[in-house]
Amino acid sequence: MRVHGEVSDDEAAVAGEQVPISPTGASAGQQWLVVGYALTKKKVKSFLQPKLLALARKKGIHFVSIDETRPLSEQGPFDIILHKLTSKEWQQVLEDYREEHPEVTVLDPPNAIQHLHNRQSMLQEVADLNLSNGYGEVCTPRQLVIMKDPSSIPDAVAKAGLTLPLVAKPLVVDGTSKSHELSLAYLEASLPLLDPPLVLQEFVNHGGILFKVYIVGETIRVVRRFSLPDVNTYDLGNNDGIFRFPRVSCATNNAEDADVDPCIAELPPKPLLEKLGKELRRRLGLRLFNIDMIREHGRKDRYYVIDINYFPGYGKMPGYEHIFTDFLLSLVQSKYKRLLSGC
C-alpha cells in the first residue's frame, strides 16, 4: 500500500495544479499525501480556500483536481479521494474504483451517502437510535412524506395526526439551494398549495436558535445559527398562507456573538454530542457530515435532529483548515499502523 506518494512536476502539470513546495523549500520530490478531489465549482471555492491550501502544503498534503472526463484509474495515484458529486455515473465510477483500489480511502462511500440524499431516510437512524442519557435525549420531529397529489395533503396530515404548523422541505437533497428551501404552513386550508414530493415535519419551538454540529472523523465542532422564530397562538390565528424561507441556517445567520437568552444559546452537552456523533458515524458509515439540531423551548434537555448533510460547508467552521488537515493525516497514519500490524 502506498502511504505517501511522490508527485512529480509532470504529474502536477497534468493535474492542472501548482507544483507544491515543501516546508523546507524543496520542490515536490519528497513524500506527499495526495488527495484527489471531485467537487463542484461552488464547493471548490468554499472549501479549498487559500488558508487551507497553505496549511496543507506545510503539512505535506497535496490536493489534486480529478478530471471527470478521463478514466479515474488513469489519474493519481491517490491516497485519499474527496468527493461531492451526485450523478449516478460518477457514483458508479467511484464504486468501481474502490473495488480496484482498496488501498485508497474514499470519503465517503457513495452508497452510504445516498441515505442523506433523501429526507425520508435521512433521520431514520437518529429515530432508531433513541438516544437518551444523563445529559439529555435526542429525538426527531414527527414527519410525513408526500410524494404527489397536493390535494391529498390535508387528509394525509389528519390521518397521521400531525399538528400544525408544519415545516415543508423538498424530499430530495441534491446540493442545490432549492433543496434547502423551507415553507411553513399554518392552516390546513393552505396545505394543497405545497409542491410534492416533500417532507412535512411538525414545527418545534426552539427559541429561534439552531445548532450546527460539524463532524470531521471523531472531531466535533458546534456553531449557533439563527433559525425560524417560535410560533405562538397569535401567529396561528393570524396567518392563513404558506410562508417560504430561504436556507435559514446559512453562515450569514451566524448567532455566535448575538445577545441571546443563555438558556436558549447554551450549546448541547459535549458528552451527548460525542455519543450522537459516534453512533451516527457507525450507523451511517460516514465521516464527513453535519447535524442540524434544535433544543425544544422550555425543555433544556430535549433536542431534535432536523437535518443531516454530507460534506457541509466546512469553510464556515472556525479553524476548519487545522481540523481537516489533521484528519486527513490521521487517516493515513492509522492505515499505515494497520499495515505494519498485518491487519
C-alpha atoms as a PDB file:
ATOM      1  CA  MET A   1       0.000   0.000   0.000  1.00  0.00           C
ATOM      2  CA  ARG A   2       1.303   3.476  -0.897  1.00  0.00           C
ATOM      3  CA  VAL A   3       1.027   5.603   2.191  1.00  0.00           C
ATOM      4  CA  HIS A   4       2.625   8.755   0.771  1.00  0.00           C
ATOM      5  CA  GLY A   5       3.030   9.143  -2.965  1.00  0.00           C
ATOM      6  CA  GLU A   6       5.604  11.133  -4.814  1.00  0.00           C
ATOM      7  CA  VAL A   7       4.227  13.883  -7.002  1.00  0.00           C
ATOM      8  CA  SER A   8       6.458  14.706  -9.929  1.00  0.00           C
ATOM      9  CA  ASP A   9       6.453  18.017 -11.777  1.00  0.00           C
ATOM     10  CA  ASP A  10       4.897  16.291 -14.780  1.00  0.00           C
ATOM     11  CA  GLU A  11       2.052  14.792 -12.738  1.00  0.00           C
ATOM     12  CA  ALA A  12       1.273  18.126 -11.165  1.00  0.00           C
ATOM     13  CA  ALA A  13       1.199  19.809 -14.559  1.00  0.00           C
ATOM     14  CA  VAL A  14      -1.200  17.200 -15.958  1.00  0.00           C
ATOM     15  CA  ALA A  15      -3.494  17.686 -12.962  1.00  0.00           C
ATOM     16  CA  GLY A  16      -3.525  21.409 -13.562  1.00  0.00           C
ATOM     17  CA  GLU A  17      -2.116  22.083 -10.106  1.00  0.00           C
ATOM     18  CA  GLN A  18       0.712  24.298  -8.968  1.00  0.00           C
ATOM     19  CA  VAL A  19       3.781  22.239  -8.081  1.00  0.00           C
ATOM     20  CA  PRO A  20       3.825  22.207  -4.273  1.00  0.00           C
ATOM     21  CA  ILE A  21       6.754  23.404  -2.235  1.00  0.00           C
ATOM     22  CA  SER A  22       7.771  21.527   0.895  1.00  0.00           C
ATOM     23  CA  PRO A  23       8.139  23.315   4.243  1.00  0.00           C
ATOM     24  CA  THR A  24      11.936  23.281   3.760  1.00  0.00           C
ATOM     25  CA  GLY A  25      11.668  24.979   0.390  1.00  0.00           C
ATOM     26  CA  ALA A  26      12.489  21.928  -1.740  1.00  0.00           C
ATOM     27  CA  SER A  27      10.206  21.164  -4.675  1.00  0.00           C
ATOM     28  CA  ALA A  28       7.913  18.186  -4.804  1.00  0.00           C
ATOM     29  CA  GLY A  29      10.284  15.280  -4.994  1.00  0.00           C
ATOM     30  CA  GLN A  30       9.531  14.251  -1.431  1.00  0.00           C
ATOM     31  CA  GLN A  31       6.840  12.156   0.182  1.00  0.00           C
ATOM     32  CA  TRP A  32       3.389  13.758  -0.033  1.00  0.00           C
ATOM     33  CA  LEU A  33      -0.115  12.787   0.967  1.00  0.00           C
ATOM     34  CA  VAL A  34      -2.028  13.065  -2.316  1.00  0.00           C
ATOM     35  CA  VAL A  35      -5.723  13.978  -2.008  1.00  0.00           C
ATOM     36  CA  GLY A  36      -7.760  13.845  -5.199  1.00  0.00           C
ATOM     37  CA  TYR A  37     -10.939  15.900  -5.171  1.00  0.00           C
ATOM     38  CA  ALA A  38     -14.089  15.742  -7.311  1.00  0.00           C
ATOM     39  CA  LEU A  39     -16.166  18.698  -6.193  1.00  0.00           C
ATOM     40  CA  THR A  40     -18.495  21.230  -7.748  1.00  0.00           C
ATOM     41  CA  LYS A  41     -17.059  24.661  -8.576  1.00  0.00           C
ATOM     42  CA  LYS A  42     -19.034  26.117  -5.693  1.00  0.00           C
ATOM     43  CA  LYS A  43     -17.631  23.565  -3.251  1.00  0.00           C
ATOM     44  CA  VAL A  44     -14.072  24.062  -4.532  1.00  0.00           C
ATOM     45  CA  LYS A  45     -14.356  27.802  -3.903  1.00  0.00           C
ATOM     46  CA  SER A  46     -15.806  27.448  -0.395  1.00  0.00           C
ATOM     47  CA  PHE A  47     -13.655  24.523   0.770  1.00  0.00           C
ATOM     48  CA  LEU A  48     -10.258  24.844  -0.920  1.00  0.00           C
ATOM     49  CA  GLN A  49      -9.585  28.283   0.466  1.00  0.00           C
ATOM     50  CA  PRO A  50      -6.036  29.723   0.402  1.00  0.00           C
ATOM     51  CA  LYS A  51      -5.660  29.251   4.159  1.00  0.00           C
ATOM     52  CA  LEU A  52      -6.399  25.519   3.821  1.00  0.00           C
ATOM     53  CA  LEU A  53      -4.070  25.044   0.845  1.00  0.00           C
ATOM     54  CA  ALA A  54      -1.239  26.914   2.559  1.00  0.00           C
ATOM     55  CA  LEU A  55      -1.502  24.836   5.734  1.00  0.00           C
ATOM     56  CA  ALA A  56      -1.823  21.636   3.692  1.00  0.00           C
ATOM     57  CA  ARG A  57       1.447  22.378   1.860  1.00  0.00           C
ATOM     58  CA  LYS A  58       3.211  22.906   5.200  1.00  0.00           C
ATOM     59  CA  LYS A  59       1.939  19.519   6.382  1.00  0.00           C
ATOM     60  CA  GLY A  60       2.845  17.693   3.176  1.00  0.00           C
ATOM     61  CA  ILE A  61      -0.670  17.388   1.751  1.00  0.00           C
ATOM     62  CA  HIS A  62      -1.201  17.920  -1.973  1.00  0.00           C
ATOM     63  CA  PHE A  63      -4.700  18.465  -3.381  1.00  0.00           C
ATOM     64  CA  VAL A  64      -5.174  17.332  -6.980  1.00  0.00           C
ATOM     65  CA  SER A  65      -8.236  18.044  -9.103  1.00  0.00           C
ATOM     66  CA  ILE A  66      -9.861  14.938 -10.614  1.00  0.00           C
ATOM     67  CA  ASP A  67     -10.823  15.221 -14.272  1.00  0.00           C
ATOM     68  CA  GLU A  68     -14.274  13.651 -14.687  1.00  0.00           C
ATOM     69  CA  THR A  69     -13.775  13.344 -18.448  1.00  0.00           C
ATOM     70  CA  ARG A  70     -10.848  10.932 -18.006  1.00  0.00           C
ATOM     71  CA  PRO A  71     -10.893   7.411 -16.519  1.00  0.00           C
ATOM     72  CA  LEU A  72     -10.214   7.655 -12.805  1.00  0.00           C
ATOM     73  CA  SER A  73      -7.808   4.706 -12.972  1.00  0.00           C
ATOM     74  CA  GLU A  74      -5.546   6.762 -15.271  1.00  0.00           C
ATOM     75  CA  GLN A  75      -5.231   9.554 -12.719  1.00  0.00           C
ATOM     76  CA  GLY A  76      -3.426   9.776  -9.432  1.00  0.00           C
ATOM     77  CA  PRO A  77      -2.104   7.772  -7.741  1.00  0.00           C
ATOM     78  CA  PHE A  78      -4.131   8.964  -4.761  1.00  0.00           C
ATOM     79  CA  ASP A  79      -4.015   8.292  -1.050  1.00  0.00           C
ATOM     80  CA  ILE A  80      -7.460   9.811  -0.436  1.00  0.00           C
ATOM     81  CA  ILE A  81     -10.355  10.888  -2.638  1.00  0.00           C
ATOM     82  CA  LEU A  82     -12.730  13.647  -1.523  1.00  0.00           C
ATOM     83  CA  HIS A  83     -15.932  13.969  -3.499  1.00  0.00           C
ATOM     84  CA  LYS A  84     -19.352  15.552  -3.547  1.00  0.00           C
ATOM     85  CA  LEU A  85     -20.860  14.834  -6.942  1.00  0.00           C
ATOM     86  CA  THR A  86     -24.349  13.369  -7.146  1.00  0.00           C
ATOM     87  CA  SER A  87     -24.647  11.876 -10.636  1.00  0.00           C
ATOM     88  CA  LYS A  88     -25.253   8.133 -10.863  1.00  0.00           C
ATOM     89  CA  GLU A  89     -22.478   7.860 -13.453  1.00  0.00           C
ATOM     90  CA  TRP A  90     -19.918   9.301 -11.063  1.00  0.00           C
ATOM     91  CA  GLN A  91     -21.085   7.117  -8.199  1.00  0.00           C
ATOM     92  CA  GLN A  92     -20.614   4.012 -10.325  1.00  0.00           C
ATOM     93  CA  VAL A  93     -17.160   5.164 -11.436  1.00  0.00           C
ATOM     94  CA  LEU A  94     -16.158   5.645  -7.824  1.00  0.00           C
ATOM     95  CA  GLU A  95     -17.594   2.311  -6.666  1.00  0.00           C
ATOM     96  CA  ASP A  96     -15.648   0.523  -9.416  1.00  0.00           C
ATOM     97  CA  TYR A  97     -12.503   2.390  -8.439  1.00  0.00           C
ATOM     98  CA  ARG A  98     -12.927   1.425  -4.784  1.00  0.00           C
ATOM     99  CA  GLU A  99     -13.048  -2.255  -5.748  1.00  0.00           C
ATOM    100  CA  GLU A 100      -9.926  -1.954  -7.888  1.00  0.00           C
ATOM    101  CA  HIS A 101      -8.007   0.206  -5.408  1.00  0.00           C
ATOM    102  CA  PRO A 102      -8.920  -0.777  -1.838  1.00  0.00           C
ATOM    103  CA  GLU A 103      -5.745   0.932  -0.636  1.00  0.00           C
ATOM    104  CA  VAL A 104      -7.266   4.340  -1.444  1.00  0.00           C
ATOM    105  CA  THR A 105      -9.510   5.954   1.188  1.00  0.00           C
ATOM    106  CA  VAL A 106     -12.706   7.305  -0.365  1.00  0.00           C
ATOM    107  CA  LEU A 107     -14.515   9.982   1.648  1.00  0.00           C
ATOM    108  CA  ASP A 108     -17.147   8.786   1.811  1.00  0.00           C
ATOM    109  CA  PRO A 109     -18.590   5.610   0.174  1.00  0.00           C
ATOM    110  CA  PRO A 110     -21.249   6.651  -2.387  1.00  0.00           C
ATOM    111  CA  ASN A 111     -23.755   4.037  -1.210  1.00  0.00           C
ATOM    112  CA  ALA A 112     -23.556   5.409   2.348  1.00  0.00           C
ATOM    113  CA  ILE A 113     -24.057   8.993   1.204  1.00  0.00           C
ATOM    114  CA  GLN A 114     -27.306   8.037  -0.544  1.00  0.00           C
ATOM    115  CA  HIS A 115     -29.108   7.872   2.809  1.00  0.00           C
ATOM    116  CA  LEU A 116     -28.638  11.628   3.173  1.00  0.00           C
ATOM    117  CA  HIS A 117     -29.972  12.474  -0.282  1.00  0.00           C
ATOM    118  CA  ASN A 118     -33.496  11.621   0.816  1.00  0.00           C
ATOM    119  CA  ARG A 119     -35.176  13.224   3.808  1.00  0.00           C
ATOM    120  CA  GLN A 120     -37.358  10.164   4.287  1.00  0.00           C
ATOM    121  CA  SER A 121     -34.320   8.037   5.151  1.00  0.00           C
ATOM    122  CA  MET A 122     -32.060  10.816   6.444  1.00  0.00           C
ATOM    123  CA  LEU A 123     -33.371  10.873  10.007  1.00  0.00           C
ATOM    124  CA  GLN A 124     -34.278   7.213  10.355  1.00  0.00           C
ATOM    125  CA  GLU A 125     -31.003   6.262  12.023  1.00  0.00           C
ATOM    126  CA  VAL A 126     -31.496   9.043  14.587  1.00  0.00           C
ATOM    127  CA  ALA A 127     -35.024   7.849  15.317  1.00  0.00           C
ATOM    128  CA  ASP A 128     -33.877   4.224  15.629  1.00  0.00           C
ATOM    129  CA  LEU A 129     -31.032   5.300  17.900  1.00  0.00           C
ATOM    130  CA  ASN A 130     -33.465   6.586  20.550  1.00  0.00           C
ATOM    131  CA  LEU A 131     -30.555   8.281  22.296  1.00  0.00           C
ATOM    132  CA  SER A 132     -31.079   9.287  25.902  1.00  0.00           C
ATOM    133  CA  ASN A 133     -28.597   9.649  28.737  1.00  0.00           C
ATOM    134  CA  GLY A 134     -27.964  11.797  31.771  1.00  0.00           C
ATOM    135  CA  TYR A 135     -27.218  14.787  29.545  1.00  0.00           C
ATOM    136  CA  GLY A 136     -30.464  14.749  27.585  1.00  0.00           C
ATOM    137  CA  GLU A 137     -32.375  12.992  24.848  1.00  0.00           C
ATOM    138  CA  VAL A 138     -32.186  13.281  21.076  1.00  0.00           C
ATOM    139  CA  CYS A 139     -35.365  12.938  19.024  1.00  0.00           C
ATOM    140  CA  THR A 140     -36.615  13.620  15.525  1.00  0.00           C
ATOM    141  CA  PRO A 141     -39.767  15.617  14.702  1.00  0.00           C
ATOM    142  CA  ARG A 142     -42.772  13.620  13.633  1.00  0.00           C
ATOM    143  CA  GLN A 143     -42.878  13.773   9.878  1.00  0.00           C
ATOM    144  CA  LEU A 144     -44.850  12.678   6.837  1.00  0.00           C
ATOM    145  CA  VAL A 145     -43.716  12.084   3.244  1.00  0.00           C
ATOM    146  CA  ILE A 146     -45.940  13.331   0.421  1.00  0.00           C
ATOM    147  CA  MET A 147     -44.965  12.024  -2.997  1.00  0.00           C
ATOM    148  CA  LYS A 148     -47.676  13.571  -5.208  1.00  0.00           C
ATOM    149  CA  ASP A 149     -51.212  14.994  -5.378  1.00  0.00           C
ATOM    150  CA  PRO A 150     -51.187  18.167  -3.213  1.00  0.00           C
ATOM    151  CA  SER A 151     -54.954  17.929  -2.771  1.00  0.00           C
ATOM    152  CA  SER A 152     -54.461  14.804  -0.650  1.00  0.00           C
ATOM    153  CA  ILE A 153     -52.172  16.513   1.857  1.00  0.00           C
ATOM    154  CA  PRO A 154     -54.828  17.699   4.357  1.00  0.00           C
ATOM    155  CA  ASP A 155     -56.316  14.193   4.681  1.00  0.00           C
ATOM    156  CA  ALA A 156     -52.840  12.631   4.967  1.00  0.00           C
ATOM    157  CA  VAL A 157     -51.858  15.098   7.694  1.00  0.00           C
ATOM    158  CA  ALA A 158     -55.081  14.444   9.615  1.00  0.00           C
ATOM    159  CA  LYS A 159     -54.649  10.681   9.314  1.00  0.00           C
ATOM    160  CA  ALA A 160     -51.059  10.897  10.565  1.00  0.00           C
ATOM    161  CA  GLY A 161     -52.170  13.074  13.497  1.00  0.00           C
ATOM    162  CA  LEU A 162     -49.616  15.814  12.790  1.00  0.00           C
ATOM    163  CA  THR A 163     -50.074  19.176  14.480  1.00  0.00           C
ATOM    164  CA  LEU A 164     -49.839  22.483  12.632  1.00  0.00           C
ATOM    165  CA  PRO A 165     -47.770  24.456  11.855  1.00  0.00           C
ATOM    166  CA  LEU A 166     -45.737  22.177   9.611  1.00  0.00           C
ATOM    167  CA  VAL A 167     -42.346  22.742   8.030  1.00  0.00           C
ATOM    168  CA  ALA A 168     -42.282  21.623   4.398  1.00  0.00           C
ATOM    169  CA  LYS A 169     -38.929  20.556   2.919  1.00  0.00           C
ATOM    170  CA  PRO A 170     -38.083  19.108  -0.523  1.00  0.00           C
ATOM    171  CA  LEU A 171     -37.783  15.334  -0.317  1.00  0.00           C
ATOM    172  CA  VAL A 172     -34.582  15.103  -2.338  1.00  0.00           C
ATOM    173  CA  VAL A 173     -31.363  16.794  -1.213  1.00  0.00           C
ATOM    174  CA  ASP A 174     -29.279  17.314  -4.344  1.00  0.00           C
ATOM    175  CA  GLY A 175     -26.885  20.056  -3.274  1.00  0.00           C
ATOM    176  CA  THR A 176     -28.842  22.880  -4.882  1.00  0.00           C
ATOM    177  CA  SER A 177     -30.081  25.887  -2.923  1.00  0.00           C
ATOM    178  CA  LYS A 178     -33.657  24.904  -3.783  1.00  0.00           C
ATOM    179  CA  SER A 179     -33.319  21.616  -1.914  1.00  0.00           C
ATOM    180  CA  HIS A 180     -32.744  23.607   1.292  1.00  0.00           C
ATOM    181  CA  GLU A 181     -35.672  25.998   0.913  1.00  0.00           C
ATOM    182  CA  LEU A 182     -38.328  25.761   3.622  1.00  0.00           C
ATOM    183  CA  SER A 183     -42.014  26.575   3.807  1.00  0.00           C
ATOM    184  CA  LEU A 184     -44.109  26.977   6.944  1.00  0.00           C
ATOM    185  CA  ALA A 185     -47.793  26.027   6.675  1.00  0.00           C
ATOM    186  CA  TYR A 186     -50.069  27.414   9.395  1.00  0.00           C
ATOM    187  CA  LEU A 187     -53.527  26.252   8.315  1.00  0.00           C
ATOM    188  CA  GLU A 188     -54.965  23.058   6.882  1.00  0.00           C
ATOM    189  CA  ALA A 189     -56.531  25.002   4.009  1.00  0.00           C
ATOM    190  CA  SER A 190     -53.092  26.113   2.822  1.00  0.00           C
ATOM    191  CA  LEU A 191     -51.607  22.607   2.602  1.00  0.00           C
ATOM    192  CA  PRO A 192     -52.740  21.916  -1.016  1.00  0.00           C
ATOM    193  CA  LEU A 193     -50.591  24.888  -2.074  1.00  0.00           C
ATOM    194  CA  LEU A 194     -47.428  22.902  -1.315  1.00  0.00           C
ATOM    195  CA  ASP A 195     -45.386  21.253  -4.051  1.00  0.00           C
ATOM    196  CA  PRO A 196     -44.618  17.495  -3.624  1.00  0.00           C
ATOM    197  CA  PRO A 197     -42.512  15.461  -3.379  1.00  0.00           C
ATOM    198  CA  LEU A 198     -41.789  16.786   0.068  1.00  0.00           C
ATOM    199  CA  VAL A 199     -41.439  16.016   3.758  1.00  0.00           C
ATOM    200  CA  LEU A 200     -43.712  17.635   6.337  1.00  0.00           C
ATOM    201  CA  GLN A 201     -42.218  17.996   9.808  1.00  0.00           C
ATOM    202  CA  GLU A 202     -44.003  19.180  12.908  1.00  0.00           C
ATOM    203  CA  PHE A 203     -42.610  22.553  13.898  1.00  0.00           C
ATOM    204  CA  VAL A 204     -40.947  22.574  17.323  1.00  0.00           C
ATOM    205  CA  ASN A 205     -40.477  25.911  19.092  1.00  0.00           C
ATOM    206  CA  HIS A 206     -36.751  26.287  19.789  1.00  0.00           C
ATOM    207  CA  GLY A 207     -36.100  29.925  20.618  1.00  0.00           C
ATOM    208  CA  GLY A 208     -35.037  30.743  17.069  1.00  0.00           C
ATOM    209  CA  ILE A 209     -31.591  29.164  17.515  1.00  0.00           C
ATOM    210  CA  LEU A 210     -30.203  26.191  15.596  1.00  0.00           C
ATOM    211  CA  PHE A 211     -27.021  24.274  16.466  1.00  0.00           C
ATOM    212  CA  LYS A 212     -24.918  23.234  13.514  1.00  0.00           C
ATOM    213  CA  VAL A 213     -22.855  20.243  14.624  1.00  0.00           C
ATOM    214  CA  TYR A 214     -19.905  19.591  12.301  1.00  0.00           C
ATOM    215  CA  ILE A 215     -18.409  16.104  12.215  1.00  0.00           C
ATOM    216  CA  VAL A 216     -14.897  15.545  10.834  1.00  0.00           C
ATOM    217  CA  GLY A 217     -13.961  11.996  11.727  1.00  0.00           C
ATOM    218  CA  GLU A 218     -14.008  11.931  15.533  1.00  0.00           C
ATOM    219  CA  THR A 219     -13.802  15.705  15.872  1.00  0.00           C
ATOM    220  CA  ILE A 220     -16.960  17.676  16.677  1.00  0.00           C
ATOM    221  CA  ARG A 221     -17.444  21.436  16.432  1.00  0.00           C
ATOM    222  CA  VAL A 222     -20.683  23.335  17.093  1.00  0.00           C
ATOM    223  CA  VAL A 223     -21.775  26.786  15.931  1.00  0.00           C
ATOM    224  CA  ARG A 224     -25.007  28.688  16.608  1.00  0.00           C
ATOM    225  CA  ARG A 225     -27.173  29.941  13.785  1.00  0.00           C
ATOM    226  CA  PHE A 226     -30.398  31.909  13.789  1.00  0.00           C
ATOM    227  CA  SER A 227     -33.377  29.824  12.756  1.00  0.00           C
ATOM    228  CA  LEU A 228     -37.133  30.260  12.341  1.00  0.00           C
ATOM    229  CA  PRO A 229     -38.720  32.167  15.243  1.00  0.00           C
ATOM    230  CA  ASP A 230     -41.092  30.484  17.666  1.00  0.00           C
ATOM    231  CA  VAL A 231     -44.767  30.255  16.738  1.00  0.00           C
ATOM    232  CA  ASN A 232     -47.435  31.282  19.257  1.00  0.00           C
ATOM    233  CA  THR A 233     -51.213  31.226  19.415  1.00  0.00           C
ATOM    234  CA  TYR A 234     -51.422  34.695  17.897  1.00  0.00           C
ATOM    235  CA  ASP A 235     -49.357  33.606  14.895  1.00  0.00           C
ATOM    236  CA  LEU A 236     -51.589  30.603  14.325  1.00  0.00           C
ATOM    237  CA  GLY A 237     -54.733  32.717  14.432  1.00  0.00           C
ATOM    238  CA  ASN A 238     -53.455  35.462  12.158  1.00  0.00           C
ATOM    239  CA  ASN A 239     -51.721  33.549   9.354  1.00  0.00           C
ATOM    240  CA  ASP A 240     -53.581  31.788   6.613  1.00  0.00           C
ATOM    241  CA  GLY A 241     -50.963  31.031   3.976  1.00  0.00           C
ATOM    242  CA  ILE A 242     -47.692  29.350   3.164  1.00  0.00           C
ATOM    243  CA  PHE A 243     -44.598  31.274   4.168  1.00  0.00           C
ATOM    244  CA  ARG A 244     -41.470  30.419   2.201  1.00  0.00           C
ATOM    245  CA  PHE A 245     -37.961  30.880   3.544  1.00  0.00           C
ATOM    246  CA  PRO A 246     -34.503  30.623   2.014  1.00  0.00           C
ATOM    247  CA  ARG A 247     -31.895  28.467   3.705  1.00  0.00           C
ATOM    248  CA  VAL A 248     -32.215  29.682   7.293  1.00  0.00           C
ATOM    249  CA  SER A 249     -29.048  28.154   8.787  1.00  0.00           C
ATOM    250  CA  CYS A 250     -26.533  29.709   6.386  1.00  0.00           C
ATOM    251  CA  ALA A 251     -23.400  31.454   7.642  1.00  0.00           C
ATOM    252  CA  THR A 252     -24.954  34.907   7.245  1.00  0.00           C
ATOM    253  CA  ASN A 253     -27.323  33.947  10.082  1.00  0.00           C
ATOM    254  CA  ASN A 254     -24.435  33.498  12.493  1.00  0.00           C
ATOM    255  CA  ALA A 255     -25.628  33.803  16.104  1.00  0.00           C
ATOM    256  CA  GLU A 256     -22.294  33.232  17.851  1.00  0.00           C
ATOM    257  CA  ASP A 257     -21.986  36.773  19.238  1.00  0.00           C
ATOM    258  CA  ALA A 258     -25.669  37.675  19.376  1.00  0.00           C
ATOM    259  CA  ASP A 259     -27.358  38.786  22.578  1.00  0.00           C
ATOM    260  CA  VAL A 260     -29.485  35.696  23.169  1.00  0.00           C
ATOM    261  CA  ASP A 261     -31.021  34.287  26.345  1.00  0.00           C
ATOM    262  CA  PRO A 262     -28.328  31.968  27.813  1.00  0.00           C
ATOM    263  CA  CYS A 263     -30.916  29.236  28.316  1.00  0.00           C
ATOM    264  CA  ILE A 264     -31.540  29.251  24.569  1.00  0.00           C
ATOM    265  CA  ALA A 265     -27.963  29.866  23.404  1.00  0.00           C
ATOM    266  CA  GLU A 266     -26.303  27.226  25.628  1.00  0.00           C
ATOM    267  CA  LEU A 267     -24.652  24.598  23.444  1.00  0.00           C
ATOM    268  CA  PRO A 268     -25.765  20.957  23.722  1.00  0.00           C
ATOM    269  CA  PRO A 269     -23.681  18.981  26.252  1.00  0.00           C
ATOM    270  CA  LYS A 270     -20.439  17.672  24.793  1.00  0.00           C
ATOM    271  CA  PRO A 271     -20.944  14.083  26.086  1.00  0.00           C
ATOM    272  CA  LEU A 272     -24.338  13.959  24.369  1.00  0.00           C
ATOM    273  CA  LEU A 273     -22.877  15.188  21.070  1.00  0.00           C
ATOM    274  CA  GLU A 274     -19.956  12.766  21.300  1.00  0.00           C
ATOM    275  CA  LYS A 275     -22.333   9.851  21.795  1.00  0.00           C
ATOM    276  CA  LEU A 276     -24.559  11.016  18.937  1.00  0.00           C
ATOM    277  CA  GLY A 277     -21.618  11.588  16.602  1.00  0.00           C
ATOM    278  CA  LYS A 278     -20.081   8.199  17.372  1.00  0.00           C
ATOM    279  CA  GLU A 279     -23.321   6.313  16.820  1.00  0.00           C
ATOM    280  CA  LEU A 280     -24.161   8.139  13.588  1.00  0.00           C
ATOM    281  CA  ARG A 281     -20.671   7.594  12.180  1.00  0.00           C
ATOM    282  CA  ARG A 282     -21.139   3.895  12.782  1.00  0.00           C
ATOM    283  CA  ARG A 283     -24.731   3.654  11.576  1.00  0.00           C
ATOM    284  CA  LEU A 284     -24.362   5.887   8.535  1.00  0.00           C
ATOM    285  CA  GLY A 285     -20.871   4.734   7.579  1.00  0.00           C
ATOM    286  CA  LEU A 286     -19.825   8.368   7.095  1.00  0.00           C
ATOM    287  CA  ARG A 287     -17.027  10.530   8.461  1.00  0.00           C
ATOM    288  CA  LEU A 288     -17.839  13.921   6.924  1.00  0.00           C
ATOM    289  CA  PHE A 289     -21.251  15.341   7.744  1.00  0.00           C
ATOM    290  CA  ASN A 290     -23.083  17.840   9.885  1.00  0.00           C
ATOM    291  CA  ILE A 291     -26.176  17.603  12.068  1.00  0.00           C
ATOM    292  CA  ASP A 292     -28.724  20.407  12.389  1.00  0.00           C
ATOM    293  CA  MET A 293     -30.104  20.312  15.939  1.00  0.00           C
ATOM    294  CA  ILE A 294     -32.572  22.396  17.904  1.00  0.00           C
ATOM    295  CA  ARG A 295     -33.450  22.430  21.619  1.00  0.00           C
ATOM    296  CA  GLU A 296     -37.164  22.390  22.426  1.00  0.00           C
ATOM    297  CA  HIS A 297     -38.016  25.722  24.013  1.00  0.00           C
ATOM    298  CA  GLY A 298     -38.694  25.206  27.695  1.00  0.00           C
ATOM    299  CA  ARG A 299     -37.088  21.737  27.701  1.00  0.00           C
ATOM    300  CA  LYS A 300     -33.396  22.157  28.466  1.00  0.00           C
ATOM    301  CA  ASP A 301     -32.570  18.504  27.892  1.00  0.00           C
ATOM    302  CA  ARG A 302     -34.647  17.636  24.800  1.00  0.00           C
ATOM    303  CA  TYR A 303     -33.047  18.032  21.375  1.00  0.00           C
ATOM    304  CA  TYR A 304     -34.302  17.357  17.879  1.00  0.00           C
ATOM    305  CA  VAL A 305     -32.244  16.494  14.812  1.00  0.00           C
ATOM    306  CA  ILE A 306     -33.978  18.136  11.860  1.00  0.00           C
ATOM    307  CA  ASP A 307     -31.422  17.614   9.066  1.00  0.00           C
ATOM    308  CA  ILE A 308     -28.171  15.820   8.264  1.00  0.00           C
ATOM    309  CA  ASN A 309     -25.914  16.994   5.442  1.00  0.00           C
ATOM    310  CA  TYR A 310     -22.978  15.257   3.786  1.00  0.00           C
ATOM    311  CA  PHE A 311     -19.715  17.207   3.309  1.00  0.00           C
ATOM    312  CA  PRO A 312     -21.224  20.505   4.515  1.00  0.00           C
ATOM    313  CA  GLY A 313     -19.706  23.980   4.250  1.00  0.00           C
ATOM    314  CA  TYR A 314     -16.646  23.299   6.385  1.00  0.00           C
ATOM    315  CA  GLY A 315     -15.134  26.590   5.234  1.00  0.00           C
ATOM    316  CA  LYS A 316     -17.646  28.314   7.541  1.00  0.00           C
ATOM    317  CA  MET A 317     -16.445  26.329  10.566  1.00  0.00           C
ATOM    318  CA  PRO A 318     -13.886  28.183  12.720  1.00  0.00           C
ATOM    319  CA  GLY A 319     -10.438  26.599  12.460  1.00  0.00           C
ATOM    320  CA  TYR A 320     -11.553  24.142   9.793  1.00  0.00           C
ATOM    321  CA  GLU A 321      -8.201  24.120   7.995  1.00  0.00           C
ATOM    322  CA  HIS A 322      -6.381  22.713  11.059  1.00  0.00           C
ATOM    323  CA  ILE A 323      -9.132  20.220  11.853  1.00  0.00           C
ATOM    324  CA  PHE A 324      -9.372  18.934   8.299  1.00  0.00           C
ATOM    325  CA  THR A 325      -5.642  18.606   7.600  1.00  0.00           C
ATOM    326  CA  ASP A 326      -5.112  16.783  10.893  1.00  0.00           C
ATOM    327  CA  PHE A 327      -7.995  14.481   9.983  1.00  0.00           C
ATOM    328  CA  LEU A 328      -6.506  13.638   6.565  1.00  0.00           C
ATOM    329  CA  LEU A 329      -3.116  12.872   8.098  1.00  0.00           C
ATOM    330  CA  SER A 330      -4.698  10.696  10.802  1.00  0.00           C
ATOM    331  CA  LEU A 331      -6.401   8.548   8.159  1.00  0.00           C
ATOM    332  CA  VAL A 332      -3.134   7.660   6.507  1.00  0.00           C
ATOM    333  CA  GLN A 333      -1.303   7.191   9.801  1.00  0.00           C
ATOM    334  CA  SER A 334      -3.928   4.741  11.047  1.00  0.00           C
ATOM    335  CA  LYS A 335      -3.793   2.880   7.739  1.00  0.00           C
ATOM    336  CA  TYR A 336      -0.020   2.698   7.994  1.00  0.00           C
ATOM    337  CA  LYS A 337      -0.255   1.283  11.525  1.00  0.00           C
ATOM    338  CA  ARG A 338      -2.687  -1.381  10.319  1.00  0.00           C
ATOM    339  CA  LEU A 339      -0.262  -2.270   7.541  1.00  0.00           C
ATOM    340  CA  LEU A 340       2.609  -2.687   9.969  1.00  0.00           C
ATOM    341  CA  SER A 341       0.499  -4.805  12.283  1.00  0.00           C
ATOM    342  CA  GLY A 342      -0.636  -7.009   9.395  1.00  0.00           C
ATOM    343  CA  CYS A 343      -4.348  -6.254   9.946  1.00  0.00           C
END
